[in-house]
Amino acid sequence: TLVLSHNALGPAGLGAGLGGALPALRLLDLSGNGLEELPAALGGAGDSAGDSAAPPAFPQLRSLNLSANRLRALVPPLHRPLVPPLHRPLLPPSITLSCPCLLCRPQSLDVANNQLRELPPALADCPRLKEANFRGNQLRDKRLEKMVNGCQTKAILEYLRAGGRGKGKGESAREEVRKKKREKQQKKDSGDGEQEEVEEASRLLVKVLHVSENPAPLVVKVSPGIKDVRPFIVCCVLKGVNLKPGNALKRFLSMQTKLHEDICERRTVATIATHDLQLVKVPLIYDVQPPDELKIMPLGRKEIKARDLLRQLHLEAEEQRKQKKRQNVSGLHKYLQLLDGKDNYPCLVDAEGAVISFPPITNSEKTKIRKETRDLFLEVTSDTSLQTCKDVMDTLILKIAELNRFTLENKEGSGSDAESDALCGPGSLDPGQQPGNLPLVLEQVRVVDMDGNLKVLYPSKTDLATVSSLLTVIR
C-alpha cells in the first residue's frame, strides 16, 4: 500500500521519484493532489517508461485512487505491445505508456472530482475493472454524466462499450430480446419446438428466500478489528444439493479447487469456504485472533494453533519439494505466503467459540462437507473488494447448480466418474423427466457490524446478474 494523498504533487506528478517498479504494490492512492495528467512513470518500470516492451511497474495493482486532482484525460487501456495508431490521439502529448498500461491492472478505479470531459470507450475492455467512480466530472455526454452519478459500474462500462449516445445497455438488451424471439420462432417453424421445451425444462433454477420470508435467517457479525486484516465477507445459504450419487462429492470439491485457481487467482483476491449448514452453530462472528491464540481443527487434522499449523505446513512443503525435486509445491502449501507479515489472522467463529474457517488457508473438520450434506453455508472472503466477493459467490452458485443438475440428470452408480463433463452443461434429458425443475433454495444472509448495522446482504436484487443468462433466479 502506497498512500500519497493530499500532498502537493502535480502537475508533473511523481516524475522519476518512485525509482523503479513496485512488484508487490496492490493499492496506490494519489488523491487530493494537483495532477493534470497521468504521470508517465506509472506506465512502465523505471527508466523504461517509454519502452513498449517493458514489464508493468505494478503487476499486482488492484486499487487506484486518483480522485480530487485536475486530470483532463484518461489514458485508454492498451492490450497490445505497441500503441495502436487509433489510440494515439487520445493520449496526452507528454505521455507514453507501455502495455499492459496502468489502467489495465486495477479492479477498483477512483477518478472522481477531476476535470474529465470524456471517458475513453476502451475503458469498457479493462479485463479486471469491477468498481469505478467517475462522479464530479463535467462530462460532455450528459446522459453519461447522469449515469456515473446513479448507475452501477457495469452499466456505465456497457454504455461506453456500445459507443454511448443512446447506444447503451438498454438498447443492447432490447436487441438481444428481439434476437432471441427471432431464433425461437425460427426453431418453432423448423420443427424444433419440442427440443425448445426440453431446453426450457432443463434450465438451472434457483429460488431466493428473502430475510423477511425466513423465520430464522442466519446473521454474521463482523468485529471492528477485521478491517485491517481481511475486511470483506459475503455469505449465503444454499439448500437442496445432492452429493450422494457416485462421484458427486468429488466433483464438488474439484470444482471449488478450480475456482480457487481461476476466478480467485490462486486465492490472492478471494477465498471460498463451504460448510455443512447442519453442523454450523449460529450466531457467527467474523473476527481476528493472534496466531498463538487462534485454534482450529483443520480438514483431516487434529486441533492446532494457527502459528503451529503454518510452521507444520511449511515443513511439509519443504519436504515435498525435496522428495519431488521440484521448485513448486502443490495443495494447501502454495497459499502459505498469503499470511506473511500479519499480526492477526482472520477467522469465522461459531456460537461455541470454535473456529470453523481460517481464510485463506483452511476450513474446519467440524463443518466438513459430506455425502449426506443437503444444505450448504457458503462464505467468500477477500482483502480486495466487496464486489470481488460477490462475483466469486455468483460463480460458485452457478457451478453448484450445474453440478446438481448433472447429478440429477445422470443416474450414475457409485463407480462412475464423469468429472470432465461436470461443468459442460446439461446431459441428455428425456422429455418425460424434468429433474432440473426442482430449484435450489438460496437464503439471504445478512452481514452486520457488532451494533447490528447492515454491511452487506447477499443475494440482493442486483446480485447474480453476471450469470443471469445461464441461471434462472426466482426472486
Protein backbone atom coordinates (compact mmCIF):
# COMPACT_ATOMS: atom_id res chain seq x y z
CA THR A 1 0.00 0.00 0.00
CA LEU A 2 1.34 3.41 -1.01
CA VAL A 3 -0.68 6.46 0.15
CA LEU A 4 0.45 9.87 -1.12
CA SER A 5 -2.90 11.63 -0.80
CA HIS A 6 -3.31 15.35 -0.11
CA ASN A 7 0.22 16.40 -0.83
CA ALA A 8 1.41 18.87 -3.46
CA LEU A 9 2.08 16.51 -6.34
CA GLY A 10 1.48 17.99 -9.77
CA PRO A 11 1.11 18.88 -12.46
CA ALA A 12 4.17 16.80 -13.39
CA GLY A 13 3.30 14.29 -10.67
CA LEU A 14 5.79 11.72 -9.48
CA GLY A 15 8.42 12.17 -12.15
CA ALA A 16 11.09 9.53 -11.56
CA GLY A 17 10.51 9.64 -7.80
CA LEU A 18 9.41 6.02 -7.46
CA GLY A 19 12.78 4.82 -8.63
CA GLY A 20 11.55 1.73 -10.42
CA ALA A 21 8.92 -1.00 -10.30
CA LEU A 22 6.97 -1.94 -7.17
CA PRO A 23 6.05 -5.58 -7.85
CA ALA A 24 4.06 -6.09 -4.60
CA LEU A 25 2.04 -2.87 -4.72
CA ARG A 26 -1.72 -3.52 -4.52
CA LEU A 27 -3.16 -0.09 -3.57
CA LEU A 28 -1.96 3.29 -4.83
CA ASP A 29 -3.65 6.47 -3.51
CA LEU A 30 -2.74 9.75 -5.24
CA SER A 31 -6.00 11.57 -4.36
CA GLY A 32 -6.17 15.22 -3.39
CA ASN A 33 -3.11 16.37 -5.30
CA GLY A 34 -2.71 18.59 -8.37
CA LEU A 35 -2.15 16.01 -11.09
CA GLU A 36 -3.19 17.24 -14.52
CA GLU A 37 -2.28 14.06 -16.37
CA LEU A 38 -1.28 10.52 -15.51
CA PRO A 39 2.45 10.53 -14.71
CA ALA A 40 4.50 8.83 -17.41
CA ALA A 41 6.43 6.88 -14.78
CA LEU A 42 3.29 4.92 -13.93
CA GLY A 43 3.13 3.31 -17.33
CA GLY A 44 6.23 1.13 -17.13
CA ALA A 45 9.16 0.14 -14.97
CA GLY A 46 11.63 2.88 -14.04
CA ASP A 47 13.54 4.36 -16.96
CA SER A 48 11.74 2.06 -19.38
CA ALA A 49 8.51 4.00 -19.18
CA GLY A 50 8.65 4.78 -22.85
CA ASP A 51 9.59 1.24 -23.85
CA SER A 52 6.52 -0.61 -25.13
CA ALA A 53 8.15 -3.95 -24.27
CA ALA A 54 8.82 -3.02 -20.63
CA PRO A 55 7.04 -5.04 -17.93
CA PRO A 56 4.30 -3.31 -15.93
CA ALA A 57 5.55 -1.30 -12.96
CA PHE A 58 2.73 -2.57 -10.73
CA PRO A 59 1.79 -6.12 -11.77
CA GLN A 60 -0.26 -6.69 -8.58
CA LEU A 61 -2.12 -3.35 -8.55
CA ARG A 62 -5.76 -3.81 -7.50
CA SER A 63 -6.91 -0.35 -6.39
CA LEU A 64 -6.02 3.06 -7.89
CA ASN A 65 -7.34 6.32 -6.38
CA LEU A 66 -6.85 9.48 -8.47
CA SER A 67 -9.84 11.43 -7.13
CA ALA A 68 -9.77 15.17 -6.41
CA ASN A 69 -6.98 16.02 -8.85
CA ARG A 70 -7.11 18.07 -12.08
CA LEU A 71 -6.95 15.25 -14.64
CA ARG A 72 -8.17 16.33 -18.08
CA ALA A 73 -7.91 12.96 -19.83
CA LEU A 74 -7.59 9.27 -19.10
CA VAL A 75 -5.21 7.05 -21.00
CA PRO A 76 -7.21 4.24 -22.62
CA PRO A 77 -6.28 0.65 -21.74
CA LEU A 78 -3.86 -0.76 -24.30
CA HIS A 79 -3.64 -4.51 -24.65
CA ARG A 80 -1.02 -4.85 -27.41
CA PRO A 81 2.75 -4.49 -27.11
CA LEU A 82 2.73 -1.41 -29.34
CA VAL A 83 0.35 1.54 -29.12
CA PRO A 84 -2.20 1.22 -31.97
CA PRO A 85 -2.45 4.38 -34.14
CA LEU A 86 -6.15 4.79 -33.35
CA HIS A 87 -5.31 5.27 -29.65
CA ARG A 88 -2.56 7.83 -30.09
CA PRO A 89 -4.86 10.87 -30.48
CA LEU A 90 -6.38 10.06 -27.07
CA LEU A 91 -3.04 10.13 -25.30
CA PRO A 92 -1.96 13.40 -23.67
CA PRO A 93 1.04 14.62 -25.71
CA SER A 94 3.59 14.21 -22.90
CA ILE A 95 2.69 10.61 -22.06
CA THR A 96 3.95 7.36 -23.50
CA LEU A 97 2.82 4.21 -21.73
CA SER A 98 3.90 0.62 -22.11
CA CYS A 99 1.44 -2.24 -22.19
CA PRO A 100 -0.22 -3.55 -20.13
CA CYS A 101 -0.76 0.03 -19.02
CA LEU A 102 -1.68 1.19 -15.53
CA LEU A 103 -5.43 1.19 -16.17
CA CYS A 104 -5.39 -2.45 -17.29
CA ARG A 105 -4.42 -3.66 -13.81
CA PRO A 106 -6.82 -2.33 -11.11
CA GLN A 107 -10.13 -3.82 -10.06
CA SER A 108 -11.04 -0.51 -8.40
CA LEU A 109 -10.51 2.90 -10.04
CA ASP A 110 -11.48 6.25 -8.49
CA VAL A 111 -11.18 9.38 -10.66
CA ALA A 112 -13.98 11.39 -9.03
CA ASN A 113 -13.85 15.19 -8.89
CA ASN A 114 -11.37 15.77 -11.70
CA GLN A 115 -11.73 17.79 -14.93
CA LEU A 116 -12.53 14.95 -17.30
CA ARG A 117 -14.72 15.80 -20.28
CA GLU A 118 -14.81 12.31 -21.80
CA LEU A 119 -14.34 8.72 -20.71
CA PRO A 120 -12.46 6.56 -23.24
CA PRO A 121 -14.70 3.77 -24.62
CA ALA A 122 -11.70 1.44 -24.30
CA LEU A 123 -12.20 1.57 -20.50
CA ALA A 124 -15.02 -0.91 -21.04
CA ASP A 125 -12.46 -3.51 -22.14
CA CYS A 126 -10.37 -3.36 -18.97
CA PRO A 127 -10.23 -7.05 -18.02
CA ARG A 128 -10.24 -6.59 -14.23
CA LEU A 129 -12.21 -3.38 -13.62
CA LYS A 130 -15.17 -4.06 -11.29
CA GLU A 131 -15.64 -0.81 -9.37
CA ALA A 132 -15.16 2.68 -10.79
CA ASN A 133 -16.05 6.14 -9.52
CA PHE A 134 -16.36 8.88 -12.17
CA ARG A 135 -18.55 11.30 -10.18
CA GLY A 136 -17.88 15.02 -10.08
CA ASN A 137 -16.57 15.39 -13.65
CA GLN A 138 -18.20 17.73 -16.19
CA LEU A 139 -18.69 15.19 -18.98
CA ARG A 140 -19.81 16.30 -22.45
CA ASP A 141 -22.19 13.36 -22.72
CA LYS A 142 -24.92 14.47 -20.29
CA ARG A 143 -26.59 11.07 -20.27
CA LEU A 144 -23.29 9.50 -19.27
CA GLU A 145 -22.88 12.18 -16.60
CA LYS A 146 -26.24 11.16 -15.09
CA MET A 147 -25.26 7.50 -15.26
CA VAL A 148 -21.98 7.98 -13.36
CA ASN A 149 -23.95 9.61 -10.54
CA GLY A 150 -26.60 6.91 -10.24
CA CYS A 151 -25.72 3.66 -12.04
CA GLN A 152 -23.50 0.73 -11.24
CA THR A 153 -20.08 0.41 -12.84
CA LYS A 154 -21.20 -2.46 -15.06
CA ALA A 155 -23.96 -0.35 -16.67
CA ILE A 156 -21.54 2.54 -17.26
CA LEU A 157 -18.98 0.27 -18.93
CA GLU A 158 -21.70 -1.32 -21.09
CA TYR A 159 -22.71 2.19 -22.20
CA LEU A 160 -19.10 3.02 -23.10
CA ARG A 161 -18.65 -0.31 -24.89
CA ALA A 162 -21.71 0.39 -27.04
CA GLY A 163 -20.36 3.80 -28.02
CA GLY A 164 -22.61 5.94 -25.80
CA ARG A 165 -25.11 8.46 -27.13
CA GLY A 166 -28.17 6.27 -26.61
CA LYS A 167 -26.43 3.02 -27.58
CA GLY A 168 -26.08 1.74 -24.04
CA LYS A 169 -27.23 -1.28 -22.15
CA GLY A 170 -30.95 -0.64 -22.63
CA GLU A 171 -30.78 -0.73 -26.40
CA SER A 172 -28.40 -3.71 -26.35
CA ALA A 173 -30.79 -5.59 -24.10
CA ARG A 174 -33.77 -4.84 -26.34
CA GLU A 175 -31.84 -6.02 -29.40
CA GLU A 176 -30.90 -9.20 -27.54
CA VAL A 177 -34.55 -9.86 -26.68
CA ARG A 178 -35.58 -9.35 -30.31
CA LYS A 179 -32.82 -11.68 -31.46
CA LYS A 180 -33.91 -14.42 -29.06
CA LYS A 181 -37.53 -14.08 -30.20
CA ARG A 182 -36.48 -14.46 -33.84
CA GLU A 183 -34.39 -17.52 -33.04
CA LYS A 184 -37.22 -19.07 -31.05
CA GLN A 185 -39.67 -18.50 -33.89
CA GLN A 186 -37.23 -20.00 -36.40
CA LYS A 187 -36.83 -23.13 -34.26
CA LYS A 188 -40.58 -23.44 -33.96
CA ASP A 189 -41.06 -23.08 -37.72
CA SER A 190 -38.38 -25.69 -38.42
CA GLY A 191 -39.99 -28.26 -36.10
CA ASP A 192 -37.62 -27.80 -33.17
CA GLY A 193 -40.39 -26.77 -30.77
CA GLU A 194 -40.14 -29.98 -28.80
CA GLN A 195 -36.40 -29.53 -28.31
CA GLU A 196 -37.02 -25.95 -27.14
CA GLU A 197 -39.40 -27.27 -24.46
CA VAL A 198 -36.75 -29.76 -23.32
CA GLU A 199 -34.18 -26.96 -23.03
CA GLU A 200 -36.59 -24.84 -21.01
CA ALA A 201 -37.31 -27.79 -18.71
CA SER A 202 -33.62 -28.34 -18.06
CA ARG A 203 -32.74 -24.72 -17.17
CA LEU A 204 -30.87 -24.11 -13.93
CA LEU A 205 -33.32 -22.81 -11.32
CA VAL A 206 -32.53 -21.05 -8.03
CA LYS A 207 -35.24 -19.62 -5.78
CA VAL A 208 -34.22 -16.79 -3.45
CA LEU A 209 -35.69 -16.84 0.07
CA HIS A 210 -35.65 -13.28 1.40
CA VAL A 211 -34.81 -12.44 5.00
CA SER A 212 -38.35 -11.15 5.53
CA GLU A 213 -39.76 -14.56 4.46
CA ASN A 214 -37.33 -16.59 6.57
CA PRO A 215 -38.46 -17.37 10.14
CA ALA A 216 -34.84 -17.94 11.26
CA PRO A 217 -32.46 -16.00 8.98
CA LEU A 218 -28.73 -16.51 9.50
CA VAL A 219 -26.69 -13.45 10.52
CA VAL A 220 -22.91 -12.96 10.54
CA LYS A 221 -21.43 -10.30 12.82
CA VAL A 222 -18.15 -8.58 11.91
CA SER A 223 -15.72 -7.37 14.58
CA PRO A 224 -14.03 -3.96 14.15
CA GLY A 225 -10.51 -5.46 14.05
CA ILE A 226 -11.14 -7.34 10.79
CA LYS A 227 -10.99 -4.19 8.63
CA ASP A 228 -7.18 -4.08 8.81
CA VAL A 229 -6.70 -7.79 8.05
CA ARG A 230 -9.27 -9.17 5.57
CA PRO A 231 -12.25 -6.78 5.61
CA PHE A 232 -14.70 -8.20 3.05
CA ILE A 233 -17.04 -11.15 3.54
CA VAL A 234 -20.19 -12.34 1.74
CA CYS A 235 -22.28 -15.32 2.90
CA CYS A 236 -25.44 -17.19 1.93
CA VAL A 237 -27.25 -20.50 2.49
CA LEU A 238 -27.95 -22.91 -0.39
CA LYS A 239 -30.39 -25.75 0.23
CA GLY A 240 -31.28 -28.81 -1.81
CA VAL A 241 -27.92 -30.04 -3.17
CA ASN A 242 -27.41 -33.75 -3.82
CA LEU A 243 -23.90 -35.07 -3.16
CA LYS A 244 -24.75 -38.74 -2.55
CA PRO A 245 -24.60 -40.38 -6.00
CA GLY A 246 -21.32 -41.67 -7.36
CA ASN A 247 -18.61 -39.03 -7.63
CA ALA A 248 -20.85 -36.02 -6.87
CA LEU A 249 -18.87 -35.01 -3.75
CA LYS A 250 -15.55 -35.47 -5.56
CA ARG A 251 -16.73 -33.23 -8.41
CA PHE A 252 -17.95 -30.64 -5.89
CA LEU A 253 -14.53 -30.45 -4.20
CA SER A 254 -12.72 -30.37 -7.57
CA MET A 255 -14.94 -27.50 -8.69
CA GLN A 256 -14.06 -25.49 -5.58
CA THR A 257 -10.33 -26.11 -6.17
CA LYS A 258 -10.67 -24.97 -9.80
CA LEU A 259 -12.44 -21.74 -8.76
CA HIS A 260 -9.63 -21.02 -6.30
CA GLU A 261 -7.12 -21.37 -9.13
CA ASP A 262 -9.08 -19.36 -11.71
CA ILE A 263 -11.51 -16.65 -10.60
CA CYS A 264 -9.87 -16.38 -7.14
CA GLU A 265 -6.43 -16.09 -8.80
CA ARG A 266 -4.82 -18.74 -6.55
CA ARG A 267 -6.64 -17.29 -3.52
CA THR A 268 -4.85 -13.93 -3.87
CA VAL A 269 -8.07 -11.99 -4.49
CA ALA A 270 -10.63 -14.17 -2.68
CA THR A 271 -11.11 -17.44 -0.81
CA ILE A 272 -14.13 -19.77 -0.81
CA ALA A 273 -15.28 -21.77 2.22
CA THR A 274 -18.15 -24.29 2.12
CA HIS A 275 -19.76 -25.75 5.24
CA ASP A 276 -22.46 -28.28 6.12
CA LEU A 277 -25.22 -25.98 7.40
CA GLN A 278 -26.47 -28.60 9.87
CA LEU A 279 -23.08 -28.53 11.62
CA VAL A 280 -22.84 -24.73 11.82
CA LYS A 281 -23.71 -23.37 15.28
CA VAL A 282 -25.11 -19.85 14.98
CA PRO A 283 -24.66 -16.96 15.58
CA LEU A 284 -21.35 -16.49 13.75
CA ILE A 285 -18.69 -13.82 14.24
CA TYR A 286 -16.09 -12.84 11.63
CA ASP A 287 -13.15 -11.93 13.85
CA VAL A 288 -9.38 -11.70 14.17
CA GLN A 289 -7.13 -13.57 16.61
CA PRO A 290 -3.36 -13.65 17.22
CA PRO A 291 -1.54 -16.64 15.66
CA ASP A 292 -0.76 -18.09 19.12
CA GLU A 293 -4.42 -17.92 20.24
CA LEU A 294 -6.28 -18.96 17.10
CA LYS A 295 -7.05 -22.68 17.34
CA ILE A 296 -8.68 -24.70 14.57
CA MET A 297 -9.24 -28.33 13.66
CA PRO A 298 -8.14 -28.22 10.00
CA LEU A 299 -9.62 -30.60 7.45
CA GLY A 300 -8.18 -34.06 8.11
CA ARG A 301 -6.04 -32.93 11.08
CA LYS A 302 -6.17 -32.57 14.86
CA GLU A 303 -6.81 -29.24 16.61
CA ILE A 304 -3.77 -26.98 16.41
CA LYS A 305 -2.77 -23.34 16.88
CA ALA A 306 -2.59 -21.28 13.69
CA ARG A 307 1.12 -20.49 14.12
CA ASP A 308 1.95 -24.17 14.64
CA LEU A 309 -0.20 -25.15 11.66
CA LEU A 310 1.63 -22.79 9.34
CA ARG A 311 5.01 -23.95 10.67
CA GLN A 312 3.95 -27.56 10.10
CA LEU A 313 2.74 -26.81 6.60
CA HIS A 314 5.99 -25.01 5.75
CA LEU A 315 7.96 -28.09 6.85
CA GLU A 316 5.70 -30.36 4.81
CA ALA A 317 6.11 -28.12 1.77
CA GLU A 318 9.90 -28.21 2.06
CA GLU A 319 9.91 -31.99 2.45
CA GLN A 320 7.58 -32.37 -0.52
CA ARG A 321 9.81 -30.17 -2.65
CA LYS A 322 12.88 -32.24 -1.78
CA GLN A 323 11.14 -35.56 -2.49
CA LYS A 324 9.77 -34.49 -5.85
CA LYS A 325 12.80 -32.35 -6.74
CA ARG A 326 10.57 -29.51 -7.90
CA GLN A 327 10.55 -25.76 -7.41
CA ASN A 328 6.79 -25.50 -6.93
CA VAL A 329 4.63 -27.04 -4.22
CA SER A 330 1.02 -28.16 -4.54
CA GLY A 331 -2.13 -28.26 -2.46
CA LEU A 332 -2.54 -26.13 0.63
CA HIS A 333 1.18 -25.33 0.87
CA LYS A 334 1.20 -22.88 -2.03
CA TYR A 335 -1.04 -20.41 -0.14
CA LEU A 336 1.06 -20.04 3.00
CA GLN A 337 2.77 -16.82 1.90
CA LEU A 338 -0.59 -15.01 1.80
CA LEU A 339 -0.41 -14.53 5.60
CA ASP A 340 3.19 -13.31 5.72
CA GLY A 341 3.57 -10.24 7.95
CA LYS A 342 0.11 -10.48 9.55
CA ASP A 343 -0.04 -9.80 13.31
CA ASN A 344 -3.59 -11.18 13.48
CA TYR A 345 -5.32 -13.84 11.42
CA PRO A 346 -8.94 -13.72 10.17
CA CYS A 347 -11.35 -16.40 11.33
CA LEU A 348 -15.06 -17.27 11.39
CA VAL A 349 -16.13 -18.31 14.90
CA ASP A 350 -19.34 -20.20 15.77
CA ALA A 351 -21.59 -19.91 18.83
CA GLU A 352 -19.48 -22.48 20.71
CA GLY A 353 -16.30 -20.46 20.21
CA ALA A 354 -14.90 -22.88 17.63
CA VAL A 355 -13.11 -21.55 14.55
CA ILE A 356 -14.87 -23.04 11.51
CA SER A 357 -12.95 -21.08 8.87
CA PHE A 358 -9.38 -19.76 8.71
CA PRO A 359 -9.13 -17.88 5.38
CA PRO A 360 -7.24 -18.08 3.13
CA ILE A 361 -5.80 -21.36 4.49
CA THR A 362 -8.42 -23.92 5.50
CA ASN A 363 -11.90 -24.83 6.74
CA SER A 364 -12.60 -26.81 9.90
CA GLU A 365 -13.23 -30.53 10.19
CA LYS A 366 -16.18 -29.56 12.40
CA THR A 367 -18.31 -28.33 9.47
CA LYS A 368 -16.84 -30.52 6.74
CA ILE A 369 -18.99 -31.27 3.66
CA ARG A 370 -20.02 -34.94 3.45
CA LYS A 371 -22.01 -37.08 1.02
CA GLU A 372 -25.06 -36.73 3.29
CA THR A 373 -24.88 -32.91 3.20
CA ARG A 374 -28.00 -31.34 1.69
CA ASP A 375 -27.77 -27.74 2.86
CA LEU A 376 -24.67 -25.56 2.48
CA PHE A 377 -23.41 -22.45 4.24
CA LEU A 378 -21.24 -20.61 1.68
CA GLU A 379 -18.64 -17.99 2.56
CA VAL A 380 -16.35 -15.84 0.39
CA THR A 381 -13.75 -13.53 1.93
CA SER A 382 -11.33 -11.06 0.34
CA ASP A 383 -8.94 -8.23 1.11
CA THR A 384 -9.58 -6.71 -2.33
CA SER A 385 -13.20 -5.53 -2.51
CA LEU A 386 -16.78 -6.43 -1.64
CA GLN A 387 -17.67 -6.71 -5.34
CA THR A 388 -14.95 -9.33 -5.77
CA CYS A 389 -16.63 -11.43 -3.07
CA LYS A 390 -19.99 -11.09 -4.80
CA ASP A 391 -18.63 -12.00 -8.23
CA VAL A 392 -16.96 -15.12 -6.84
CA MET A 393 -20.13 -16.09 -4.95
CA ASP A 394 -22.21 -15.64 -8.14
CA THR A 395 -19.92 -18.04 -9.98
CA LEU A 396 -19.84 -20.51 -7.09
CA ILE A 397 -23.65 -20.73 -7.01
CA LEU A 398 -23.79 -21.20 -10.78
CA LYS A 399 -21.25 -24.05 -10.65
CA ILE A 400 -23.06 -25.77 -7.77
CA ALA A 401 -26.34 -25.53 -9.71
CA GLU A 402 -24.64 -27.06 -12.77
CA LEU A 403 -23.19 -29.90 -10.72
CA ASN A 404 -26.52 -30.53 -9.00
CA ARG A 405 -28.37 -30.75 -12.32
CA PHE A 406 -25.69 -33.03 -13.75
CA THR A 407 -26.09 -35.36 -10.75
CA LEU A 408 -29.87 -35.44 -11.09
CA GLU A 409 -29.89 -35.99 -14.84
CA ASN A 410 -27.25 -38.73 -14.87
CA LYS A 411 -28.20 -41.74 -12.78
CA GLU A 412 -24.57 -42.64 -12.10
CA GLY A 413 -23.52 -45.58 -9.98
CA SER A 414 -21.01 -45.43 -7.19
CA GLY A 415 -18.15 -46.26 -9.57
CA SER A 416 -18.97 -43.67 -12.22
CA ASP A 417 -16.55 -40.89 -12.99
CA ALA A 418 -17.84 -38.12 -15.23
CA GLU A 419 -15.83 -35.27 -13.78
CA SER A 420 -14.76 -33.95 -17.15
CA ASP A 421 -18.41 -33.43 -18.09
CA ALA A 422 -19.48 -31.86 -14.83
CA LEU A 423 -19.16 -28.25 -15.93
CA CYS A 424 -20.09 -28.69 -19.58
CA GLY A 425 -23.83 -28.11 -19.34
CA PRO A 426 -26.79 -30.47 -19.25
CA GLY A 427 -26.67 -34.11 -20.18
CA SER A 428 -29.29 -35.76 -22.35
CA LEU A 429 -32.74 -35.29 -20.89
CA ASP A 430 -35.72 -37.44 -21.63
CA PRO A 431 -38.74 -35.17 -22.27
CA GLY A 432 -40.68 -37.15 -19.71
CA GLN A 433 -38.20 -36.27 -16.95
CA GLN A 434 -37.71 -32.80 -15.53
CA PRO A 435 -35.30 -33.02 -12.60
CA GLY A 436 -33.99 -29.52 -13.31
CA ASN A 437 -37.40 -28.08 -12.45
CA LEU A 438 -36.68 -28.59 -8.75
CA PRO A 439 -34.96 -25.30 -7.82
CA LEU A 440 -32.21 -24.92 -5.28
CA VAL A 441 -33.24 -22.58 -2.46
CA LEU A 442 -30.88 -19.66 -1.86
CA GLU A 443 -31.40 -17.98 1.51
CA GLN A 444 -30.25 -14.41 2.06
CA VAL A 445 -27.66 -13.87 4.81
CA ARG A 446 -27.08 -10.52 6.47
CA VAL A 447 -23.56 -9.40 7.44
CA VAL A 448 -23.73 -6.73 10.18
CA ASP A 449 -21.34 -4.89 12.49
CA MET A 450 -21.32 -5.56 16.22
CA ASP A 451 -24.07 -2.95 16.71
CA GLY A 452 -26.34 -4.68 14.21
CA ASN A 453 -25.91 -2.15 11.38
CA LEU A 454 -26.15 -3.80 7.94
CA LYS A 455 -22.89 -4.08 5.98
CA VAL A 456 -23.99 -6.39 3.16
CA LEU A 457 -26.98 -8.57 2.24
CA TYR A 458 -26.48 -11.39 -0.24
CA PRO A 459 -28.07 -12.01 -2.65
CA SER A 460 -29.55 -8.56 -3.16
CA LYS A 461 -31.77 -7.81 -6.15
CA THR A 462 -28.72 -6.78 -8.22
CA ASP A 463 -26.64 -9.88 -7.42
CA LEU A 464 -26.36 -12.91 -9.73
CA ALA A 465 -26.73 -10.57 -12.72
CA THR A 466 -23.38 -11.67 -14.19
CA VAL A 467 -24.62 -15.27 -14.54
CA SER A 468 -28.26 -14.48 -15.33
CA SER A 469 -28.03 -15.83 -18.88
CA LEU A 470 -27.10 -19.27 -17.52
CA LEU A 471 -29.15 -19.30 -14.33
CA THR A 472 -32.86 -18.64 -13.80
CA VAL A 473 -33.30 -16.82 -10.48
CA ILE A 474 -36.80 -16.81 -8.95
CA ARG A 475 -36.94 -13.81 -6.63
